[in-house]
Amino acid sequence: MNLARPQLGTNSLPAGPLHLFLAPAAICATIPATMPKHKTKVRRRPAPKARRKPASGGKLPKDAVTRMVILRAREGQEILLEAELRALIGPSRKEEGCLTFDLHASVEQPGSYLLHEVWASREAHTEHMHTPHFLRWDARKDALLTSRDGSFWKQIA
């Protein structure tokens, strides 16, 4: 094997695998030190949809009402009750007059839930009670609940 260094200005390399490590300086000088980076397109997130819900702590519309409902599950029905309540959330939030529709689970009493609803008006809540998802809930709730306490509230400050 010929390990002699080739003359500068020639394109011949020594035979064998050592030529990879012993490349002449003239060849290395033509390879850029860093590769150019491809420009990446900036992906912009779509603008958020206009929210009908007031910001937390914000002033509600004049006719808005808040509905608070405390529900307690029958023994052994806790999982089914939660599933039925969760099924109400998506369709209810999409309703025209729904400003807030949130479900909370009690930290102190397992199987107890709080529905916090805010409606643009009492009429909007009445319309909600005629929707298919609410009628489905209404038909099933008695088998799942031991008690249900609900009341309407009006924001004053």
C-alpha atoms as a PDB file:
ATOM      1  CA  MET A   1       0.000   0.000   0.000  1.00  0.00           C
ATOM      2  CA  ASN A   2       1.311   3.411  -0.945  1.00  0.00           C
ATOM      3  CA  LEU A   3       1.021   5.833   2.016  1.00  0.00           C
ATOM      4  CA  ALA A   4       2.967   8.629   0.391  1.00  0.00           C
ATOM      5  CA  ARG A   5       1.204  11.941   0.434  1.00  0.00           C
ATOM      6  CA  PRO A   6       0.068  13.102  -2.996  1.00  0.00           C
ATOM      7  CA  GLN A   7       1.306  16.316  -4.503  1.00  0.00           C
ATOM      8  CA  LEU A   8      -0.853  19.410  -3.974  1.00  0.00           C
ATOM      9  CA  GLY A   9      -2.759  20.373  -7.056  1.00  0.00           C
ATOM     10  CA  THR A  10      -3.329  16.783  -8.139  1.00  0.00           C
ATOM     11  CA  ASN A  11      -6.596  14.965  -7.747  1.00  0.00           C
ATOM     12  CA  SER A  12      -5.084  11.579  -7.023  1.00  0.00           C
ATOM     13  CA  LEU A  13      -5.482  10.079  -3.570  1.00  0.00           C
ATOM     14  CA  PRO A  14      -3.500   7.238  -2.103  1.00  0.00           C
ATOM     15  CA  ALA A  15      -4.999   3.819  -2.561  1.00  0.00           C
ATOM     16  CA  GLY A  16      -6.680   2.141   0.410  1.00  0.00           C
ATOM     17  CA  PRO A  17      -9.016   3.283   3.180  1.00  0.00           C
ATOM     18  CA  LEU A  18      -6.523   5.707   4.710  1.00  0.00           C
ATOM     19  CA  HIS A  19      -7.226   8.221   1.975  1.00  0.00           C
ATOM     20  CA  LEU A  20     -10.398   9.193   3.850  1.00  0.00           C
ATOM     21  CA  PHE A  21      -8.365  10.354   6.828  1.00  0.00           C
ATOM     22  CA  LEU A  22      -5.471  11.776   4.901  1.00  0.00           C
ATOM     23  CA  ALA A  23      -7.360  13.991   2.461  1.00  0.00           C
ATOM     24  CA  PRO A  24      -5.200  16.859   1.239  1.00  0.00           C
ATOM     25  CA  ALA A  25      -5.917  20.364   2.514  1.00  0.00           C
ATOM     26  CA  ALA A  26      -6.870  21.507  -0.969  1.00  0.00           C
ATOM     27  CA  ILE A  27      -9.855  19.168  -1.049  1.00  0.00           C
ATOM     28  CA  CYS A  28     -10.999  20.055   2.506  1.00  0.00           C
ATOM     29  CA  ALA A  29     -10.886  23.746   1.718  1.00  0.00           C
ATOM     30  CA  THR A  30     -13.738  23.344  -0.770  1.00  0.00           C
ATOM     31  CA  ILE A  31     -16.151  21.838   1.772  1.00  0.00           C
ATOM     32  CA  PRO A  32     -18.093  24.499   3.703  1.00  0.00           C
ATOM     33  CA  ALA A  33     -17.620  24.470   7.480  1.00  0.00           C
ATOM     34  CA  THR A  34     -21.365  24.561   8.092  1.00  0.00           C
ATOM     35  CA  MET A  35     -24.187  23.445   5.898  1.00  0.00           C
ATOM     36  CA  PRO A  36     -26.707  26.091   4.909  1.00  0.00           C
ATOM     37  CA  LYS A  37     -29.923  25.836   6.902  1.00  0.00           C
ATOM     38  CA  HIS A  38     -33.212  25.454   5.134  1.00  0.00           C
ATOM     39  CA  LYS A  39     -35.640  28.239   5.796  1.00  0.00           C
ATOM     40  CA  THR A  40     -38.640  26.858   7.573  1.00  0.00           C
ATOM     41  CA  LYS A  41     -42.057  28.285   7.047  1.00  0.00           C
ATOM     42  CA  VAL A  42     -43.506  29.911  10.099  1.00  0.00           C
ATOM     43  CA  ARG A  43     -46.716  28.127  10.956  1.00  0.00           C
ATOM     44  CA  ARG A  44     -49.223  30.481  12.372  1.00  0.00           C
ATOM     45  CA  ARG A  45     -51.972  29.191  14.538  1.00  0.00           C
ATOM     46  CA  PRO A  46     -55.436  30.058  13.342  1.00  0.00           C
ATOM     47  CA  ALA A  47     -56.999  32.963  15.166  1.00  0.00           C
ATOM     48  CA  PRO A  48     -59.119  31.777  18.073  1.00  0.00           C
ATOM     49  CA  LYS A  49     -62.834  31.748  17.464  1.00  0.00           C
ATOM     50  CA  ALA A  50     -64.791  34.560  18.956  1.00  0.00           C
ATOM     51  CA  ARG A  51     -65.871  33.556  22.421  1.00  0.00           C
ATOM     52  CA  ARG A  52     -69.399  34.092  23.608  1.00  0.00           C
ATOM     53  CA  LYS A  53     -68.293  33.470  27.161  1.00  0.00           C
ATOM     54  CA  PRO A  54     -67.306  36.407  29.340  1.00  0.00           C
ATOM     55  CA  ALA A  55     -63.821  36.328  30.802  1.00  0.00           C
ATOM     56  CA  SER A  56     -63.598  35.011  34.326  1.00  0.00           C
ATOM     57  CA  GLY A  57     -64.740  37.720  36.696  1.00  0.00           C
ATOM     58  CA  GLY A  58     -66.186  39.736  33.810  1.00  0.00           C
ATOM     59  CA  LYS A  59     -69.534  41.473  33.757  1.00  0.00           C
ATOM     60  CA  LEU A  60     -72.365  39.327  32.420  1.00  0.00           C
ATOM     61  CA  PRO A  61     -75.081  40.589  30.068  1.00  0.00           C
ATOM     62  CA  LYS A  62     -77.977  42.347  31.800  1.00  0.00           C
ATOM     63  CA  ASP A  63     -80.458  39.440  31.483  1.00  0.00           C
ATOM     64  CA  ALA A  64     -77.964  36.648  32.187  1.00  0.00           C
ATOM     65  CA  VAL A  65     -78.776  34.071  34.857  1.00  0.00           C
ATOM     66  CA  THR A  66     -76.532  31.609  36.654  1.00  0.00           C
ATOM     67  CA  ARG A  67     -77.869  28.149  37.462  1.00  0.00           C
ATOM     68  CA  MET A  68     -76.198  26.108  40.200  1.00  0.00           C
ATOM     69  CA  VAL A  69     -77.268  22.481  40.553  1.00  0.00           C
ATOM     70  CA  ILE A  70     -75.922  20.063  43.159  1.00  0.00           C
ATOM     71  CA  LEU A  71     -76.440  16.408  42.254  1.00  0.00           C
ATOM     72  CA  ARG A  72     -75.820  13.348  44.424  1.00  0.00           C
ATOM     73  CA  ALA A  73     -75.510   9.893  42.879  1.00  0.00           C
ATOM     74  CA  ARG A  74     -77.337   6.792  44.049  1.00  0.00           C
ATOM     75  CA  GLU A  75     -74.996   4.224  45.543  1.00  0.00           C
ATOM     76  CA  GLY A  76     -73.298   2.313  42.732  1.00  0.00           C
ATOM     77  CA  GLN A  77     -74.413   4.852  40.074  1.00  0.00           C
ATOM     78  CA  GLU A  78     -71.533   7.321  40.461  1.00  0.00           C
ATOM     79  CA  ILE A  79     -69.767   6.397  37.224  1.00  0.00           C
ATOM     80  CA  LEU A  80     -72.966   6.388  35.180  1.00  0.00           C
ATOM     81  CA  LEU A  81     -74.053   9.728  36.622  1.00  0.00           C
ATOM     82  CA  GLU A  82     -70.730  11.324  35.771  1.00  0.00           C
ATOM     83  CA  ALA A  83     -70.878   9.911  32.235  1.00  0.00           C
ATOM     84  CA  GLU A  84     -74.394  11.282  31.713  1.00  0.00           C
ATOM     85  CA  LEU A  85     -73.384  14.708  33.022  1.00  0.00           C
ATOM     86  CA  ARG A  86     -70.285  14.767  30.827  1.00  0.00           C
ATOM     87  CA  ALA A  87     -72.489  13.953  27.824  1.00  0.00           C
ATOM     88  CA  LEU A  88     -74.432  17.175  28.476  1.00  0.00           C
ATOM     89  CA  ILE A  89     -71.396  19.454  28.406  1.00  0.00           C
ATOM     90  CA  GLY A  90     -70.473  19.591  24.703  1.00  0.00           C
ATOM     91  CA  PRO A  91     -73.950  20.031  23.224  1.00  0.00           C
ATOM     92  CA  SER A  92     -74.981  22.498  25.933  1.00  0.00           C
ATOM     93  CA  ARG A  93     -71.925  24.691  25.396  1.00  0.00           C
ATOM     94  CA  LYS A  94     -72.777  24.910  21.695  1.00  0.00           C
ATOM     95  CA  GLU A  95     -76.248  26.293  22.356  1.00  0.00           C
ATOM     96  CA  GLU A  96     -76.883  29.891  21.355  1.00  0.00           C
ATOM     97  CA  GLY A  97     -77.642  31.256  24.831  1.00  0.00           C
ATOM     98  CA  CYS A  98     -75.054  29.250  26.790  1.00  0.00           C
ATOM     99  CA  LEU A  99     -72.319  31.413  28.275  1.00  0.00           C
ATOM    100  CA  THR A 100     -70.863  28.830  30.691  1.00  0.00           C
ATOM    101  CA  PHE A 101     -71.576  25.157  31.317  1.00  0.00           C
ATOM    102  CA  ASP A 102     -69.109  23.563  33.725  1.00  0.00           C
ATOM    103  CA  LEU A 103     -69.147  20.342  35.726  1.00  0.00           C
ATOM    104  CA  HIS A 104     -67.372  20.016  39.078  1.00  0.00           C
ATOM    105  CA  ALA A 105     -66.858  16.939  41.273  1.00  0.00           C
ATOM    106  CA  SER A 106     -66.900  17.261  45.048  1.00  0.00           C
ATOM    107  CA  VAL A 107     -63.565  16.877  46.780  1.00  0.00           C
ATOM    108  CA  GLU A 108     -65.225  16.046  50.098  1.00  0.00           C
ATOM    109  CA  GLN A 109     -68.219  13.939  49.013  1.00  0.00           C
ATOM    110  CA  PRO A 110     -67.505  11.331  46.318  1.00  0.00           C
ATOM    111  CA  GLY A 111     -70.449  10.929  43.963  1.00  0.00           C
ATOM    112  CA  SER A 112     -71.553  14.572  44.365  1.00  0.00           C
ATOM    113  CA  TYR A 113     -71.403  16.976  41.434  1.00  0.00           C
ATOM    114  CA  LEU A 114     -72.010  20.658  40.820  1.00  0.00           C
ATOM    115  CA  LEU A 115     -73.269  22.010  37.514  1.00  0.00           C
ATOM    116  CA  HIS A 116     -72.415  25.680  37.054  1.00  0.00           C
ATOM    117  CA  GLU A 117     -74.378  27.103  34.145  1.00  0.00           C
ATOM    118  CA  VAL A 118     -74.620  30.678  32.922  1.00  0.00           C
ATOM    119  CA  TRP A 119     -77.294  31.512  30.362  1.00  0.00           C
ATOM    120  CA  ALA A 120     -77.815  34.741  28.433  1.00  0.00           C
ATOM    121  CA  SER A 121     -81.373  34.825  29.749  1.00  0.00           C
ATOM    122  CA  ARG A 122     -83.935  32.710  31.554  1.00  0.00           C
ATOM    123  CA  GLU A 123     -85.540  32.086  28.156  1.00  0.00           C
ATOM    124  CA  ALA A 124     -82.249  30.638  26.858  1.00  0.00           C
ATOM    125  CA  HIS A 125     -82.295  28.153  29.750  1.00  0.00           C
ATOM    126  CA  THR A 126     -85.915  27.260  28.959  1.00  0.00           C
ATOM    127  CA  GLU A 127     -84.930  26.557  25.347  1.00  0.00           C
ATOM    128  CA  HIS A 128     -82.070  24.389  26.655  1.00  0.00           C
ATOM    129  CA  MET A 129     -84.596  22.223  28.491  1.00  0.00           C
ATOM    130  CA  HIS A 130     -86.250  21.343  25.136  1.00  0.00           C
ATOM    131  CA  THR A 131     -83.091  20.133  23.387  1.00  0.00           C
ATOM    132  CA  PRO A 132     -82.586  16.419  22.610  1.00  0.00           C
ATOM    133  CA  HIS A 133     -79.537  16.080  24.878  1.00  0.00           C
ATOM    134  CA  PHE A 134     -81.375  17.614  27.841  1.00  0.00           C
ATOM    135  CA  LEU A 135     -84.495  15.487  27.246  1.00  0.00           C
ATOM    136  CA  ARG A 136     -82.276  12.381  27.208  1.00  0.00           C
ATOM    137  CA  TRP A 137     -80.760  13.457  30.546  1.00  0.00           C
ATOM    138  CA  ASP A 138     -84.185  14.253  31.984  1.00  0.00           C
ATOM    139  CA  ALA A 139     -85.449  10.752  31.136  1.00  0.00           C
ATOM    140  CA  ARG A 140     -82.476   9.046  32.822  1.00  0.00           C
ATOM    141  CA  LYS A 141     -81.711  11.233  35.839  1.00  0.00           C
ATOM    142  CA  ASP A 142     -84.191   9.741  38.333  1.00  0.00           C
ATOM    143  CA  ALA A 143     -82.517   6.313  38.188  1.00  0.00           C
ATOM    144  CA  LEU A 144     -79.104   7.886  38.892  1.00  0.00           C
ATOM    145  CA  LEU A 145     -79.820  10.483  41.597  1.00  0.00           C
ATOM    146  CA  THR A 146     -80.647  10.457  45.290  1.00  0.00           C
ATOM    147  CA  SER A 147     -81.038  14.243  45.338  1.00  0.00           C
ATOM    148  CA  ARG A 148     -80.854  17.302  43.130  1.00  0.00           C
ATOM    149  CA  ASP A 149     -80.898  20.877  44.372  1.00  0.00           C
ATOM    150  CA  GLY A 150     -80.871  23.691  41.845  1.00  0.00           C
ATOM    151  CA  SER A 151     -81.384  27.418  41.933  1.00  0.00           C
ATOM    152  CA  PHE A 152     -81.013  30.466  39.720  1.00  0.00           C
ATOM    153  CA  TRP A 153     -78.721  33.359  40.588  1.00  0.00           C
ATOM    154  CA  LYS A 154     -78.229  36.885  39.251  1.00  0.00           C
ATOM    155  CA  GLN A 155     -74.836  38.604  39.155  1.00  0.00           C
ATOM    156  CA  ILE A 156     -74.838  41.776  41.254  1.00  0.00           C
ATOM    157  CA  ALA A 157     -71.166  42.760  41.209  1.00  0.00           C
END
